[in-house]
Amino acid sequence: MSSPALSAPRQQTGVLVEEVVRSFGDRVVLDHLDLTIGGEELVVLLGPSGCGKSTLLRLLAGLDKPDGGRIEVPAKRAIVFQADRLLPWQRVLRNVTLGLRGPDAEEKARTALREVNLGGREKAWPKQLSGGEAQRVALARALVAEPELILLDEPFASLDAITRVRMHGLVRDLRRKHHASMLLVTHDVDEAIALADRIVVMSNGRIGNAHRVELSAADREASIAREELRAALLADLGVASGHAHH
């Protein structure tokens, strides 16, 4: 039997969100929100805490249902949370193979761990890992099922600055290798500039301004264009650029 899933062409749109509404009690969190993410695009969703970013992410992950509107996402998707959510009673390898079926599950998990530079740590317990290592295990667990959409909910927020920069480099590498669509939720402007193909700013339950980021890796680190983009994003967020450093 041939598997139709293998022959199906990759959709050009990884995600389609149309007129999506989500309320909690009488508080409307998402108000007829529209968003598309291309087949291999990395979109960063930027906005202040409590603006509905994580609510949207949960809808895309299938962890919650909208009150109205339409959502189309690939069937194969994975989510990485701010907390690593590793099972403390399982070793690293077991944490990565969680939910995987088939005889090659362990080999896939070992490959995923090598991709996040944790080859050799398969037998470690979660409590023996640093915060950055634990998040890399969470990333390996997301990658191992070869999802077409990877959702990242502020996954680096609790890491120190140097570890975070390393994680950004890792995400860029993984993305080139895996060709998945990605949506990263953050309130960190510098993180958004470091990673995004496109940055969308959330305000009042909708997508406000969007900025396509066409900067080289070097220009993302330091350039006039980077500073102009940063100033524009801070203006979108209603923050004066003078005091927006973390």
Protein backbone atom coordinates (compact mmCIF):
# COMPACT_ATOMS: atom_id res chain seq x y z
CA MET A 1 0.00 0.00 0.00
CA SER A 2 1.34 3.41 -0.88
CA SER A 3 1.03 6.10 1.77
CA PRO A 4 -0.81 9.14 0.40
CA ALA A 5 0.78 11.33 3.07
CA LEU A 6 4.18 10.91 1.44
CA SER A 7 3.09 11.88 -2.05
CA ALA A 8 1.00 14.89 -1.02
CA PRO A 9 2.77 18.13 -1.98
CA ARG A 10 3.77 20.39 0.88
CA GLN A 11 1.14 23.03 1.39
CA GLN A 12 2.33 26.51 0.62
CA THR A 13 0.56 27.79 3.70
CA GLY A 14 1.59 26.19 6.94
CA VAL A 15 -1.09 27.95 8.98
CA LEU A 16 -4.29 29.78 8.14
CA VAL A 17 -6.21 31.66 10.84
CA GLU A 18 -9.34 33.54 9.77
CA GLU A 19 -11.59 35.73 11.92
CA VAL A 20 -10.74 33.78 15.05
CA VAL A 21 -12.50 34.76 18.26
CA ARG A 22 -11.71 33.51 21.76
CA SER A 23 -13.31 34.87 24.91
CA PHE A 24 -12.97 34.02 28.58
CA GLY A 25 -16.13 35.12 30.34
CA ASP A 26 -16.82 38.63 29.06
CA ARG A 27 -13.17 39.30 28.21
CA VAL A 28 -12.49 39.01 24.46
CA VAL A 29 -8.87 37.89 24.11
CA LEU A 30 -8.79 37.22 20.35
CA ASP A 31 -11.03 39.50 18.33
CA HIS A 32 -11.53 38.31 14.72
CA LEU A 33 -7.81 37.66 14.36
CA ASP A 34 -6.28 36.78 10.97
CA LEU A 35 -2.85 35.22 10.46
CA THR A 36 -1.10 33.13 7.83
CA ILE A 37 2.26 31.39 8.09
CA GLY A 38 3.98 30.15 4.96
CA GLY A 39 5.13 26.58 4.40
CA GLU A 40 8.65 27.07 5.78
CA GLU A 41 8.31 30.50 7.35
CA LEU A 42 9.44 31.46 10.85
CA VAL A 43 7.00 34.01 12.21
CA VAL A 44 7.54 35.71 15.55
CA LEU A 45 4.44 36.86 17.40
CA LEU A 46 5.39 39.83 19.52
CA GLY A 47 3.30 41.51 22.16
CA PRO A 48 3.09 42.45 25.84
CA SER A 49 2.27 39.81 28.44
CA GLY A 50 -1.43 39.05 28.59
CA CYS A 51 -2.24 40.19 25.04
CA GLY A 52 -3.41 36.76 23.89
CA LYS A 53 -0.21 35.39 22.30
CA SER A 54 -0.26 32.15 24.27
CA THR A 55 -4.02 31.80 23.75
CA LEU A 56 -3.45 31.83 19.99
CA LEU A 57 -0.61 29.34 20.32
CA ARG A 58 -2.80 26.96 22.32
CA LEU A 59 -5.48 27.15 19.61
CA LEU A 60 -2.93 26.32 16.92
CA ALA A 61 -1.63 23.43 19.02
CA GLY A 62 -5.15 22.04 19.42
CA LEU A 63 -5.06 22.48 23.21
CA ASP A 64 -8.03 24.85 23.10
CA LYS A 65 -10.89 25.61 20.72
CA PRO A 66 -11.90 28.98 19.23
CA ASP A 67 -15.35 30.48 19.88
CA GLY A 68 -15.56 31.49 16.23
CA GLY A 69 -13.60 31.65 13.00
CA ARG A 70 -11.50 29.08 11.18
CA ILE A 71 -8.09 27.54 11.83
CA GLU A 72 -6.13 25.34 9.42
CA VAL A 73 -2.91 23.78 10.66
CA PRO A 74 -0.85 20.77 9.60
CA ALA A 75 -1.77 17.54 11.37
CA LYS A 76 1.84 17.05 12.45
CA ARG A 77 2.74 19.77 14.91
CA ALA A 78 4.76 20.10 18.07
CA ILE A 79 4.91 22.65 20.87
CA VAL A 80 7.76 23.76 23.12
CA PHE A 81 6.72 25.57 26.29
CA GLN A 82 8.49 28.06 28.53
CA ALA A 83 8.93 25.30 31.12
CA ASP A 84 10.78 22.30 29.70
CA ARG A 85 8.04 19.90 30.93
CA LEU A 86 10.42 16.96 31.14
CA LEU A 87 9.36 13.94 33.18
CA PRO A 88 11.79 13.87 36.13
CA TRP A 89 11.45 10.09 36.57
CA GLN A 90 12.53 9.35 32.99
CA ARG A 91 16.03 9.68 31.58
CA VAL A 92 16.72 12.09 28.71
CA LEU A 93 16.32 9.51 25.93
CA ARG A 94 12.93 8.36 27.29
CA ASN A 95 11.77 11.98 27.49
CA VAL A 96 12.52 12.40 23.80
CA THR A 97 10.92 9.12 22.64
CA LEU A 98 7.70 9.97 24.52
CA GLY A 99 4.77 9.25 22.25
CA LEU A 100 6.95 7.89 19.44
CA ARG A 101 6.00 4.52 18.02
CA GLY A 102 7.97 2.09 15.94
CA PRO A 103 11.23 0.15 16.11
CA ASP A 104 13.38 3.13 15.14
CA ALA A 105 12.03 5.44 17.88
CA GLU A 106 15.26 5.29 19.92
CA GLU A 107 17.46 5.92 16.89
CA LYS A 108 15.33 8.93 15.93
CA ALA A 109 15.62 10.24 19.48
CA ARG A 110 19.41 9.83 19.47
CA THR A 111 19.59 11.72 16.17
CA ALA A 112 17.41 14.53 17.54
CA LEU A 113 19.63 14.78 20.65
CA ARG A 114 22.72 15.02 18.45
CA GLU A 115 21.05 17.81 16.48
CA VAL A 116 20.62 19.86 19.66
CA ASN A 117 24.21 19.06 20.72
CA LEU A 118 23.26 16.64 23.48
CA GLY A 119 24.68 13.43 21.99
CA GLY A 120 26.07 11.39 24.89
CA ARG A 121 23.56 12.72 27.44
CA GLU A 122 20.87 10.10 26.69
CA LYS A 123 21.17 8.49 30.14
CA ALA A 124 21.19 11.70 32.17
CA TRP A 125 18.28 12.50 34.48
CA PRO A 126 16.49 15.84 33.94
CA LYS A 127 17.69 17.11 37.33
CA GLN A 128 21.29 16.75 36.12
CA LEU A 129 20.70 19.19 33.25
CA SER A 130 21.17 22.95 33.16
CA GLY A 131 18.20 25.09 32.12
CA GLY A 132 19.58 25.44 28.60
CA GLU A 133 20.17 21.70 28.29
CA ALA A 134 16.66 20.90 29.53
CA GLN A 135 15.20 23.27 26.91
CA ARG A 136 17.30 21.57 24.24
CA VAL A 137 15.85 18.22 25.28
CA ALA A 138 12.37 19.78 24.94
CA LEU A 139 13.39 20.98 21.47
CA ALA A 140 14.64 17.49 20.54
CA ARG A 141 11.33 16.04 21.71
CA ALA A 142 9.48 18.48 19.43
CA LEU A 143 11.69 17.70 16.42
CA VAL A 144 11.72 13.94 16.74
CA ALA A 145 8.22 13.49 15.27
CA GLU A 146 9.25 15.57 12.22
CA PRO A 147 6.40 18.07 12.55
CA GLU A 148 5.40 20.45 9.78
CA LEU A 149 4.60 23.15 12.35
CA ILE A 150 6.64 23.91 15.47
CA LEU A 151 5.07 26.21 18.06
CA LEU A 152 7.44 27.86 20.54
CA ASP A 153 5.88 29.56 23.58
CA GLU A 154 8.58 31.86 25.03
CA PRO A 155 10.87 28.83 25.33
CA PHE A 156 14.00 30.82 26.16
CA ALA A 157 12.50 33.37 28.55
CA SER A 158 13.96 31.83 31.70
CA LEU A 159 17.49 31.32 30.29
CA ASP A 160 20.44 33.62 30.87
CA ALA A 161 21.46 35.92 28.02
CA ILE A 162 24.43 33.87 26.76
CA THR A 163 22.47 30.60 26.76
CA ARG A 164 19.62 32.35 24.97
CA VAL A 165 21.89 33.58 22.17
CA ARG A 166 23.20 30.01 21.75
CA MET A 167 19.62 28.74 21.55
CA HIS A 168 18.86 31.30 18.83
CA GLY A 169 21.76 29.93 16.77
CA LEU A 170 20.48 26.41 17.34
CA VAL A 171 16.94 27.29 16.23
CA ARG A 172 18.32 28.84 13.03
CA ASP A 173 20.31 25.67 12.29
CA LEU A 174 17.41 23.34 13.05
CA ARG A 175 15.10 25.34 10.88
CA ARG A 176 17.34 25.05 7.85
CA LYS A 177 17.49 21.31 8.39
CA HIS A 178 13.83 20.60 9.10
CA HIS A 179 11.96 22.93 6.72
CA ALA A 180 9.05 23.26 9.16
CA SER A 181 6.88 26.31 9.65
CA MET A 182 7.57 27.91 13.02
CA LEU A 183 5.67 30.31 15.24
CA LEU A 184 7.64 31.76 18.14
CA VAL A 185 5.79 33.74 20.79
CA THR A 186 7.87 36.28 22.72
CA HIS A 187 7.81 39.74 24.25
CA ASP A 188 11.54 40.14 23.60
CA VAL A 189 12.15 42.47 20.64
CA ASP A 190 15.80 41.42 20.26
CA GLU A 191 14.82 37.75 20.12
CA ALA A 192 12.27 38.54 17.42
CA ILE A 193 14.87 40.36 15.30
CA ALA A 194 17.40 37.56 15.79
CA LEU A 195 15.12 34.84 14.45
CA ALA A 196 12.16 35.99 12.37
CA ASP A 197 11.41 35.96 8.68
CA ARG A 198 8.41 38.06 9.63
CA ILE A 199 7.45 39.73 12.91
CA VAL A 200 3.78 40.30 13.65
CA VAL A 201 2.77 42.53 16.53
CA MET A 202 -0.35 41.73 18.50
CA SER A 203 -2.60 44.46 19.82
CA ASN A 204 -6.19 44.49 21.04
CA GLY A 205 -6.74 40.84 20.21
CA ARG A 206 -5.68 41.18 16.59
CA ILE A 207 -2.54 41.24 14.49
CA GLY A 208 -1.43 44.85 14.19
CA ASN A 209 1.67 45.73 12.20
CA ALA A 210 3.79 43.13 10.43
CA HIS A 211 7.44 43.53 9.49
CA ARG A 212 9.29 41.31 7.02
CA VAL A 213 12.88 40.83 8.19
CA GLU A 214 15.31 40.62 5.29
CA LEU A 215 18.56 41.12 7.18
CA SER A 216 21.70 39.02 6.91
CA ALA A 217 22.87 37.21 10.04
CA ALA A 218 25.49 39.93 10.58
CA ASP A 219 22.97 42.76 10.12
CA ARG A 220 20.66 41.14 12.67
CA GLU A 221 23.48 41.48 15.21
CA ALA A 222 24.31 45.13 14.53
CA SER A 223 23.33 47.49 11.73
CA ILE A 224 21.41 50.66 11.06
CA ALA A 225 18.61 48.58 9.54
CA ARG A 226 18.42 46.52 12.74
CA GLU A 227 18.14 49.65 14.91
CA GLU A 228 15.44 51.07 12.62
CA LEU A 229 13.47 47.83 12.85
CA ARG A 230 13.92 47.72 16.63
CA ALA A 231 12.64 51.30 16.96
CA ALA A 232 9.63 50.48 14.76
CA LEU A 233 8.78 47.40 16.85
CA LEU A 234 9.07 49.32 20.11
CA ALA A 235 6.79 51.99 18.67
CA ASP A 236 4.28 49.25 17.71
CA LEU A 237 4.43 47.99 21.29
CA GLY A 238 3.96 51.50 22.63
CA VAL A 239 7.34 51.51 24.35
CA ALA A 240 9.85 54.35 24.08
CA SER A 241 13.09 52.92 22.73
CA GLY A 242 15.17 54.50 25.49
CA HIS A 243 14.12 52.09 28.24
CA ALA A 244 13.10 48.88 26.58
CA HIS A 245 16.20 46.82 27.24
CA HIS A 246 15.57 43.72 29.30
